[in-house]
Amino acid sequence: MTDITVPEDLWDTEDEGVIFAWIYSDGAVVEKGKLIAELTVEKAQLELAAPASGRLKILAPAETVVRKGTVIGRIEAI
């Protein structure tokens, strides 16, 4: 199992971000490196790629406010 965390270097400021959208639904099979979610910080839209391949488990739904380092999902090996 691999945690999906908001990278510490995804944006420059200490501001919180918001999960704008998940590209895949909960339970979908995803590939490492593919776009899986979009976050917004200060009106900037940022992309988050899958850290591994497997089945996506969403822990923080769209519109959730997040900080850097927050675990927002997991990828389970299949």
C-alpha atoms as a PDB file:
ATOM      1  CA  MET A   1       0.000   0.000   0.000  1.00  0.00           C
ATOM      2  CA  THR A   2       1.293   3.454  -0.928  1.00  0.00           C
ATOM      3  CA  ASP A   3       0.053   6.675   0.688  1.00  0.00           C
ATOM      4  CA  ILE A   4      -0.847   9.593  -1.566  1.00  0.00           C
ATOM      5  CA  THR A   5       0.390  12.720   0.203  1.00  0.00           C
ATOM      6  CA  VAL A   6       0.327  16.365  -0.752  1.00  0.00           C
ATOM      7  CA  PRO A   7       3.989  16.981  -1.699  1.00  0.00           C
ATOM      8  CA  GLU A   8       5.920  19.438   0.478  1.00  0.00           C
ATOM      9  CA  ASP A   9       7.215  21.177  -2.669  1.00  0.00           C
ATOM     10  CA  LEU A  10       3.941  21.379  -4.624  1.00  0.00           C
ATOM     11  CA  TRP A  11       3.621  25.118  -3.903  1.00  0.00           C
ATOM     12  CA  ASP A  12       5.902  27.777  -2.426  1.00  0.00           C
ATOM     13  CA  THR A  13       3.844  29.333   0.346  1.00  0.00           C
ATOM     14  CA  GLU A  14       2.634  27.899   3.648  1.00  0.00           C
ATOM     15  CA  ASP A  15      -0.980  28.374   2.574  1.00  0.00           C
ATOM     16  CA  GLU A  16      -3.498  25.556   2.625  1.00  0.00           C
ATOM     17  CA  GLY A  17      -4.736  24.037  -0.601  1.00  0.00           C
ATOM     18  CA  VAL A  18      -8.054  22.529  -1.650  1.00  0.00           C
ATOM     19  CA  ILE A  19      -8.629  19.286  -3.511  1.00  0.00           C
ATOM     20  CA  PHE A  20     -10.320  20.623  -6.628  1.00  0.00           C
ATOM     21  CA  ALA A  21     -11.124  17.253  -8.217  1.00  0.00           C
ATOM     22  CA  TRP A  22     -10.162  13.602  -8.323  1.00  0.00           C
ATOM     23  CA  ILE A  23      -9.622  12.453 -11.910  1.00  0.00           C
ATOM     24  CA  TYR A  24     -10.455   8.840 -11.023  1.00  0.00           C
ATOM     25  CA  SER A  25     -13.216   7.557  -8.768  1.00  0.00           C
ATOM     26  CA  ASP A  26     -12.671   5.632  -5.555  1.00  0.00           C
ATOM     27  CA  GLY A  27     -11.760   2.020  -6.393  1.00  0.00           C
ATOM     28  CA  ALA A  28     -10.421   2.811  -9.875  1.00  0.00           C
ATOM     29  CA  VAL A  29      -7.174   1.252 -11.070  1.00  0.00           C
ATOM     30  CA  VAL A  30      -4.487   3.905 -11.685  1.00  0.00           C
ATOM     31  CA  GLU A  31      -0.995   3.863 -13.210  1.00  0.00           C
ATOM     32  CA  LYS A  32       2.106   5.337 -11.587  1.00  0.00           C
ATOM     33  CA  GLY A  33       2.870   8.816 -12.942  1.00  0.00           C
ATOM     34  CA  LYS A  34      -0.636   9.456 -14.311  1.00  0.00           C
ATOM     35  CA  LEU A  35      -2.626  12.505 -13.209  1.00  0.00           C
ATOM     36  CA  ILE A  36      -4.993  11.483 -10.402  1.00  0.00           C
ATOM     37  CA  ALA A  37      -6.041  14.746  -8.721  1.00  0.00           C
ATOM     38  CA  GLU A  38      -6.037  18.513  -9.093  1.00  0.00           C
ATOM     39  CA  LEU A  39      -5.511  20.904  -6.200  1.00  0.00           C
ATOM     40  CA  THR A  40      -5.929  24.665  -6.023  1.00  0.00           C
ATOM     41  CA  VAL A  41      -3.831  27.099  -4.010  1.00  0.00           C
ATOM     42  CA  GLU A  42      -4.407  30.839  -4.259  1.00  0.00           C
ATOM     43  CA  LYS A  43      -6.343  30.387  -7.521  1.00  0.00           C
ATOM     44  CA  ALA A  44      -3.503  28.333  -9.056  1.00  0.00           C
ATOM     45  CA  GLN A  45      -4.390  24.842 -10.225  1.00  0.00           C
ATOM     46  CA  LEU A  46      -1.815  22.147  -9.477  1.00  0.00           C
ATOM     47  CA  GLU A  47      -1.638  18.536 -10.632  1.00  0.00           C
ATOM     48  CA  LEU A  48      -0.929  15.482  -8.510  1.00  0.00           C
ATOM     49  CA  ALA A  49       0.382  12.276 -10.099  1.00  0.00           C
ATOM     50  CA  ALA A  50      -0.027   8.732  -8.819  1.00  0.00           C
ATOM     51  CA  PRO A  51       3.025   7.630  -6.767  1.00  0.00           C
ATOM     52  CA  ALA A  52       2.373   3.960  -7.642  1.00  0.00           C
ATOM     53  CA  SER A  53       0.128   1.725  -9.730  1.00  0.00           C
ATOM     54  CA  GLY A  54      -2.856  -0.050  -8.179  1.00  0.00           C
ATOM     55  CA  ARG A  55      -6.373   0.521  -6.836  1.00  0.00           C
ATOM     56  CA  LEU A  56      -7.165   4.077  -5.677  1.00  0.00           C
ATOM     57  CA  LYS A  57      -8.676   4.612  -2.209  1.00  0.00           C
ATOM     58  CA  ILE A  58      -9.760   8.250  -1.717  1.00  0.00           C
ATOM     59  CA  LEU A  59      -9.470   9.416   1.909  1.00  0.00           C
ATOM     60  CA  ALA A  60     -10.141  13.145   1.361  1.00  0.00           C
ATOM     61  CA  PRO A  61     -12.950  13.973  -1.089  1.00  0.00           C
ATOM     62  CA  ALA A  62     -13.015  16.943  -3.447  1.00  0.00           C
ATOM     63  CA  GLU A  63     -13.388  20.328  -1.710  1.00  0.00           C
ATOM     64  CA  THR A  64     -11.331  19.137   1.300  1.00  0.00           C
ATOM     65  CA  VAL A  65      -8.851  21.722   2.625  1.00  0.00           C
ATOM     66  CA  VAL A  66      -5.367  20.197   2.884  1.00  0.00           C
ATOM     67  CA  ARG A  67      -1.867  21.111   4.015  1.00  0.00           C
ATOM     68  CA  LYS A  68       1.446  19.937   2.624  1.00  0.00           C
ATOM     69  CA  GLY A  69       2.223  16.422   3.838  1.00  0.00           C
ATOM     70  CA  THR A  70      -1.447  15.468   4.333  1.00  0.00           C
ATOM     71  CA  VAL A  71      -2.355  11.895   3.336  1.00  0.00           C
ATOM     72  CA  ILE A  72      -5.319  12.264   0.963  1.00  0.00           C
ATOM     73  CA  GLY A  73      -5.541   8.752  -0.426  1.00  0.00           C
ATOM     74  CA  ARG A  74      -3.875   5.382  -0.810  1.00  0.00           C
ATOM     75  CA  ILE A  75      -3.000   3.085  -3.663  1.00  0.00           C
ATOM     76  CA  GLU A  76      -3.423  -0.593  -2.903  1.00  0.00           C
ATOM     77  CA  ALA A  77      -1.484  -3.197  -4.883  1.00  0.00           C
ATOM     78  CA  ILE A  78      -3.601  -5.449  -7.072  1.00  0.00           C
END
